[in-house]
Amino acid sequence: MVKNPSIYVLGDQHVVVFELEMDGHHAKAEYLFDEGKILDYTIEFNGPIEIRDNLLNLAFEEAKKLIKQHITLKK
């Protein structure tokens, strides 16, 4: 589940920040986008390795959804 999504504009770039909850574990994700493409990201997660990969994949997909929604709303 995604919580507290925010999008910040830095010139032509966007930063998407949100929190994730999965199986009782929490993560904070920040993605830097330029023209809809991910340039860089940071994910803060403390939990078992078994959940980490699934959570990373979920964060990646959610970031792409959030930026796509934002770009669509701007048009």
Protein backbone atom coordinates (compact mmCIF):
# COMPACT_ATOMS: atom_id res chain seq x y z
CA MET A 1 0.00 0.00 0.00
CA VAL A 2 1.31 3.46 -0.93
CA LYS A 3 1.11 6.22 1.67
CA ASN A 4 1.79 9.97 1.54
CA PRO A 5 2.75 10.32 -2.15
CA SER A 6 4.31 13.67 -3.07
CA ILE A 7 5.78 15.03 -6.28
CA TYR A 8 8.28 17.88 -6.33
CA VAL A 9 9.29 19.78 -9.45
CA LEU A 10 12.96 20.68 -9.95
CA GLY A 11 13.16 22.49 -13.28
CA ASP A 12 12.55 19.81 -15.91
CA GLN A 13 12.97 17.02 -13.36
CA HIS A 14 10.52 15.58 -10.84
CA VAL A 15 11.06 13.88 -7.50
CA VAL A 16 8.46 11.34 -6.40
CA VAL A 17 8.45 10.57 -2.66
CA PHE A 18 6.20 8.01 -0.97
CA GLU A 19 6.02 5.36 1.72
CA LEU A 20 5.16 1.70 1.17
CA GLU A 21 3.76 -0.93 3.46
CA MET A 22 4.02 -4.61 2.58
CA ASP A 23 3.42 -7.56 4.91
CA GLY A 24 3.77 -5.29 7.95
CA HIS A 25 7.09 -3.84 6.77
CA HIS A 26 7.61 -0.20 5.80
CA ALA A 27 9.87 1.54 3.30
CA LYS A 28 10.40 5.12 2.16
CA ALA A 29 11.16 5.67 -1.52
CA GLU A 30 12.41 8.68 -3.48
CA TYR A 31 12.72 8.62 -7.27
CA LEU A 32 14.23 11.27 -9.54
CA PHE A 33 12.61 11.46 -12.98
CA ASP A 34 13.53 13.36 -16.13
CA GLU A 35 11.01 13.26 -18.99
CA GLY A 36 9.29 10.26 -17.37
CA LYS A 37 12.50 8.21 -17.03
CA ILE A 38 14.06 7.26 -13.72
CA LEU A 39 17.48 8.87 -13.28
CA ASP A 40 18.13 7.83 -9.68
CA TYR A 41 16.38 6.48 -6.61
CA THR A 42 16.78 5.89 -2.89
CA ILE A 43 14.85 3.39 -0.80
CA GLU A 44 15.09 3.17 2.97
CA PHE A 45 14.06 -0.27 4.27
CA ASN A 46 14.81 -2.24 7.41
CA GLY A 47 13.53 -5.78 7.19
CA PRO A 48 14.19 -9.29 5.98
CA ILE A 49 15.99 -9.84 2.69
CA GLU A 50 13.17 -12.15 1.54
CA ILE A 51 10.76 -9.21 1.45
CA ARG A 52 13.23 -6.61 0.18
CA ASP A 53 13.22 -7.68 -3.48
CA ASN A 54 9.42 -7.75 -3.67
CA LEU A 55 9.23 -4.38 -1.96
CA LEU A 56 11.82 -2.88 -4.34
CA ASN A 57 9.84 -4.11 -7.34
CA LEU A 58 6.61 -2.72 -5.90
CA ALA A 59 8.26 0.64 -5.22
CA PHE A 60 9.55 0.82 -8.80
CA GLU A 61 6.09 0.10 -10.26
CA GLU A 62 4.37 2.56 -7.93
CA ALA A 63 6.85 5.33 -8.76
CA LYS A 64 6.18 4.84 -12.48
CA LYS A 65 2.41 4.98 -11.87
CA LEU A 66 2.66 8.15 -9.79
CA ILE A 67 4.78 10.03 -12.31
CA LYS A 68 2.57 8.89 -15.19
CA GLN A 69 -0.52 10.19 -13.36
CA HIS A 70 1.22 13.49 -12.64
CA ILE A 71 2.34 14.00 -16.23
CA THR A 72 -1.14 13.10 -17.52
CA LEU A 73 -2.77 15.62 -15.15
CA LYS A 74 -0.41 18.39 -16.30
CA LYS A 75 -1.54 18.09 -19.94
